[in-house]
PDB file of N, CA and C in Angstrom:
ATOM      1  N   UNK A   1       9.181  -6.396  26.075  1.00  0.00           N
ATOM      2  CA  UNK A   1       7.857  -6.589  25.445  1.00  0.00           C
ATOM      3  C   UNK A   1       7.487  -5.520  24.280  1.00  0.00           C
ATOM      4  N   UNK A   2       7.842  -4.304  24.688  1.00  0.00           N
ATOM      5  CA  UNK A   2       7.669  -3.318  23.542  1.00  0.00           C
ATOM      6  C   UNK A   2       8.336  -3.506  22.389  1.00  0.00           C
ATOM      7  N   UNK A   3       9.618  -4.151  22.304  1.00  0.00           N
ATOM      8  CA  UNK A   3      10.326  -4.444  21.281  1.00  0.00           C
ATOM      9  C   UNK A   3       9.630  -5.329  20.415  1.00  0.00           C
ATOM     10  N   UNK A   4       8.826  -6.245  20.984  1.00  0.00           N
ATOM     11  CA  UNK A   4       8.097  -7.282  20.194  1.00  0.00           C
ATOM     12  C   UNK A   4       6.800  -6.599  19.531  1.00  0.00           C
ATOM     13  N   UNK A   5       6.371  -5.664  20.489  1.00  0.00           N
ATOM     14  CA  UNK A   5       5.207  -5.038  19.700  1.00  0.00           C
ATOM     15  C   UNK A   5       5.412  -4.049  18.575  1.00  0.00           C
ATOM     16  N   UNK A   6       6.708  -3.511  18.794  1.00  0.00           N
ATOM     17  CA  UNK A   6       7.296  -2.648  17.642  1.00  0.00           C
ATOM     18  C   UNK A   6       7.464  -3.338  16.412  1.00  0.00           C
ATOM     19  N   UNK A   7       8.026  -4.675  16.473  1.00  0.00           N
ATOM     20  CA  UNK A   7       8.385  -5.455  15.298  1.00  0.00           C
ATOM     21  C   UNK A   7       6.958  -5.957  14.776  1.00  0.00           C
ATOM     22  N   UNK A   8       6.066  -6.253  15.795  1.00  0.00           N
ATOM     23  CA  UNK A   8       4.670  -6.706  15.260  1.00  0.00           C
ATOM     24  C   UNK A   8       3.949  -5.748  14.496  1.00  0.00           C
ATOM     25  N   UNK A   9       4.061  -4.376  15.013  1.00  0.00           N
ATOM     26  CA  UNK A   9       3.443  -3.251  14.517  1.00  0.00           C
ATOM     27  C   UNK A   9       4.018  -2.916  12.971  1.00  0.00           C
ATOM     28  N   UNK A  10       5.372  -3.034  12.829  1.00  0.00           N
ATOM     29  CA  UNK A  10       5.968  -2.647  11.519  1.00  0.00           C
ATOM     30  C   UNK A  10       5.438  -3.915  10.570  1.00  0.00           C
ATOM     31  N   UNK A  11       5.411  -4.999  11.015  1.00  0.00           N
ATOM     32  CA  UNK A  11       5.165  -6.153  10.103  1.00  0.00           C
ATOM     33  C   UNK A  11       3.651  -6.074   9.819  1.00  0.00           C
ATOM     34  N   UNK A  12       2.818  -5.587  10.482  1.00  0.00           N
ATOM     35  CA  UNK A  12       1.412  -5.288  10.068  1.00  0.00           C
ATOM     36  C   UNK A  12       1.348  -4.166   9.123  1.00  0.00           C
ATOM     37  N   UNK A  13       1.968  -3.072   9.408  1.00  0.00           N
ATOM     38  CA  UNK A  13       2.083  -1.952   8.387  1.00  0.00           C
ATOM     39  C   UNK A  13       2.501  -2.542   7.126  1.00  0.00           C
ATOM     40  N   UNK A  14       3.678  -3.344   7.019  1.00  0.00           N
ATOM     41  CA  UNK A  14       4.173  -3.888   5.890  1.00  0.00           C
ATOM     42  C   UNK A  14       3.016  -4.651   4.990  1.00  0.00           C
ATOM     43  N   UNK A  15       2.299  -5.430   5.947  1.00  0.00           N
ATOM     44  CA  UNK A  15       1.198  -6.236   5.239  1.00  0.00           C
ATOM     45  C   UNK A  15       0.158  -5.469   4.552  1.00  0.00           C
ATOM     46  N   UNK A  16      -0.185  -4.340   5.303  1.00  0.00           N
ATOM     47  CA  UNK A  16      -1.144  -3.261   4.813  1.00  0.00           C
ATOM     48  C   UNK A  16      -0.702  -2.764   3.483  1.00  0.00           C
ATOM     49  N   UNK A  17       0.661  -2.303   3.520  1.00  0.00           N
ATOM     50  CA  UNK A  17       1.287  -1.725   2.338  1.00  0.00           C
ATOM     51  C   UNK A  17       1.301  -2.659   1.182  1.00  0.00           C
ATOM     52  N   UNK A  18       1.585  -3.823   1.411  1.00  0.00           N
ATOM     53  CA  UNK A  18       1.714  -5.009   0.439  1.00  0.00           C
ATOM     54  C   UNK A  18       0.387  -5.129  -0.177  1.00  0.00           C
ATOM     55  N   UNK A  19      -0.638  -5.232   0.661  1.00  0.00           N
ATOM     56  CA  UNK A  19      -2.016  -5.569   0.150  1.00  0.00           C
ATOM     57  C   UNK A  19      -2.487  -4.345  -0.694  1.00  0.00           C
ATOM     58  N   UNK A  20      -2.172  -3.106  -0.179  1.00  0.00           N
ATOM     59  CA  UNK A  20      -2.715  -1.884  -1.053  1.00  0.00           C
ATOM     60  C   UNK A  20      -1.948  -1.793  -2.331  1.00  0.00           C
ATOM     61  N   UNK A  21      -0.807  -2.131  -2.292  1.00  0.00           N
ATOM     62  CA  UNK A  21       0.011  -2.075  -3.689  1.00  0.00           C
ATOM     63  C   UNK A  21      -0.567  -3.181  -4.652  1.00  0.00           C
ATOM     64  N   UNK A  22      -0.849  -4.440  -4.130  1.00  0.00           N
ATOM     65  CA  UNK A  22      -1.354  -5.359  -4.950  1.00  0.00           C
ATOM     66  C   UNK A  22      -2.864  -5.024  -5.392  1.00  0.00           C
ATOM     67  N   UNK A  23      -3.661  -4.575  -4.518  1.00  0.00           N
ATOM     68  CA  UNK A  23      -5.055  -4.189  -4.925  1.00  0.00           C
ATOM     69  C   UNK A  23      -4.977  -3.059  -5.997  1.00  0.00           C
ATOM     70  N   UNK A  24      -4.263  -1.992  -5.882  1.00  0.00           N
ATOM     71  CA  UNK A  24      -4.016  -0.841  -6.746  1.00  0.00           C
ATOM     72  C   UNK A  24      -3.438  -1.415  -8.124  1.00  0.00           C
ATOM     73  N   UNK A  25      -2.598  -2.248  -8.064  1.00  0.00           N
ATOM     74  CA  UNK A  25      -1.949  -2.745  -9.314  1.00  0.00           C
ATOM     75  C   UNK A  25      -2.878  -3.652 -10.014  1.00  0.00           C
ATOM     76  N   UNK A  26      -3.800  -4.151  -9.579  1.00  0.00           N
ATOM     77  CA  UNK A  26      -4.978  -4.811 -10.271  1.00  0.00           C
ATOM     78  C   UNK A  26      -5.707  -4.102 -11.022  1.00  0.00           C
ATOM     79  N   UNK A  27      -5.956  -2.772 -10.741  1.00  0.00           N
ATOM     80  CA  UNK A  27      -6.805  -1.724 -11.425  1.00  0.00           C
ATOM     81  C   UNK A  27      -6.188  -1.632 -12.645  1.00  0.00           C
ATOM     82  N   UNK A  28      -6.990  -1.168 -13.706  1.00  0.00           N
ATOM     83  CA  UNK A  28      -6.723  -0.663 -15.103  1.00  0.00           C
ATOM     84  C   UNK A  28      -6.323   0.684 -14.966  1.00  0.00           C
ATOM     85  N   UNK A  29      -5.609   1.144 -16.005  1.00  0.00           N
ATOM     86  CA  UNK A  29      -5.166   2.445 -16.178  1.00  0.00           C
ATOM     87  C   UNK A  29      -6.342   3.516 -15.959  1.00  0.00           C
ATOM     88  N   UNK A  30      -7.431   3.152 -16.533  1.00  0.00           N
ATOM     89  CA  UNK A  30      -8.649   3.915 -16.686  1.00  0.00           C
ATOM     90  C   UNK A  30      -9.268   4.081 -15.244  1.00  0.00           C
ATOM     91  N   UNK A  31      -9.193   3.017 -14.507  1.00  0.00           N
ATOM     92  CA  UNK A  31      -9.772   2.781 -13.103  1.00  0.00           C
ATOM     93  C   UNK A  31      -8.866   3.751 -12.260  1.00  0.00           C
ATOM     94  N   UNK A  32      -7.544   3.617 -12.391  1.00  0.00           N
ATOM     95  CA  UNK A  32      -6.712   4.493 -11.620  1.00  0.00           C
ATOM     96  C   UNK A  32      -6.814   5.882 -11.925  1.00  0.00           C
ATOM     97  N   UNK A  33      -7.125   6.173 -13.106  1.00  0.00           N
ATOM     98  CA  UNK A  33      -7.225   7.683 -13.632  1.00  0.00           C
ATOM     99  C   UNK A  33      -8.538   8.175 -13.011  1.00  0.00           C
ATOM    100  N   UNK A  34      -9.584   7.320 -12.879  1.00  0.00           N
ATOM    101  CA  UNK A  34     -10.769   7.833 -12.280  1.00  0.00           C
ATOM    102  C   UNK A  34     -10.453   8.204 -10.830  1.00  0.00           C
ATOM    103  N   UNK A  35      -9.595   7.390 -10.154  1.00  0.00           N
ATOM    104  CA  UNK A  35      -9.208   7.805  -8.978  1.00  0.00           C
ATOM    105  C   UNK A  35      -8.329   8.894  -8.790  1.00  0.00           C
ATOM    106  N   UNK A  36      -7.662   9.457  -9.724  1.00  0.00           N
ATOM    107  CA  UNK A  36      -6.753  10.493  -9.703  1.00  0.00           C
ATOM    108  C   UNK A  36      -5.363   9.874  -9.397  1.00  0.00           C
ATOM    109  N   UNK A  37      -5.083   8.647  -9.750  1.00  0.00           N
ATOM    110  CA  UNK A  37      -3.755   7.975  -9.500  1.00  0.00           C
ATOM    111  C   UNK A  37      -3.091   7.552 -10.611  1.00  0.00           C
ATOM    112  N   UNK A  38      -1.841   7.824 -10.807  1.00  0.00           N
ATOM    113  CA  UNK A  38      -1.113   7.312 -12.007  1.00  0.00           C
ATOM    114  C   UNK A  38      -0.390   5.977 -11.473  1.00  0.00           C
ATOM    115  N   UNK A  39      -0.077   5.132 -12.313  1.00  0.00           N
ATOM    116  CA  UNK A  39       0.419   3.702 -11.941  1.00  0.00           C
ATOM    117  C   UNK A  39       1.865   4.048 -11.186  1.00  0.00           C
ATOM    118  N   UNK A  40       2.587   4.944 -11.566  1.00  0.00           N
ATOM    119  CA  UNK A  40       3.912   5.252 -10.960  1.00  0.00           C
ATOM    120  C   UNK A  40       3.705   5.779  -9.305  1.00  0.00           C
ATOM    121  N   UNK A  41       2.346   6.215  -9.125  1.00  0.00           N
ATOM    122  CA  UNK A  41       2.273   6.755  -7.750  1.00  0.00           C
ATOM    123  C   UNK A  41       1.788   5.615  -6.778  1.00  0.00           C
ATOM    124  N   UNK A  42       1.629   4.475  -7.212  1.00  0.00           N
ATOM    125  CA  UNK A  42       1.025   3.320  -6.283  1.00  0.00           C
ATOM    126  C   UNK A  42       1.897   3.207  -5.171  1.00  0.00           C
ATOM    127  N   UNK A  43       3.236   2.962  -5.166  1.00  0.00           N
ATOM    128  CA  UNK A  43       3.989   2.741  -4.012  1.00  0.00           C
ATOM    129  C   UNK A  43       3.998   3.949  -3.181  1.00  0.00           C
ATOM    130  N   UNK A  44       4.148   5.105  -3.604  1.00  0.00           N
ATOM    131  CA  UNK A  44       3.958   6.207  -2.662  1.00  0.00           C
ATOM    132  C   UNK A  44       2.511   6.362  -1.959  1.00  0.00           C
ATOM    133  N   UNK A  45       1.547   6.173  -2.577  1.00  0.00           N
ATOM    134  CA  UNK A  45       0.225   6.195  -2.018  1.00  0.00           C
ATOM    135  C   UNK A  45       0.063   4.977  -0.921  1.00  0.00           C
ATOM    136  N   UNK A  46       0.577   3.923  -1.289  1.00  0.00           N
ATOM    137  CA  UNK A  46       0.377   2.868  -0.387  1.00  0.00           C
ATOM    138  C   UNK A  46       1.149   3.023   0.890  1.00  0.00           C
ATOM    139  N   UNK A  47       2.260   3.818   0.943  1.00  0.00           N
ATOM    140  CA  UNK A  47       2.985   4.173   2.090  1.00  0.00           C
ATOM    141  C   UNK A  47       2.341   5.057   3.148  1.00  0.00           C
ATOM    142  N   UNK A  48       1.550   5.802   2.644  1.00  0.00           N
ATOM    143  CA  UNK A  48       0.755   6.802   3.259  1.00  0.00           C
ATOM    144  C   UNK A  48      -0.210   6.165   4.221  1.00  0.00           C
TER     145      UNK A  48
END
């Protein structure tokens, strides 16, 4: 059962990562700059 929980947990983390990347990618460069984020940093920030 713990193996299934582990897989489910990783899948949920991936979904959160994907959602975060999509939301940040929709922002304009100016909006990202207001947040102190560069476009190339999106993937790294989403992984945290």
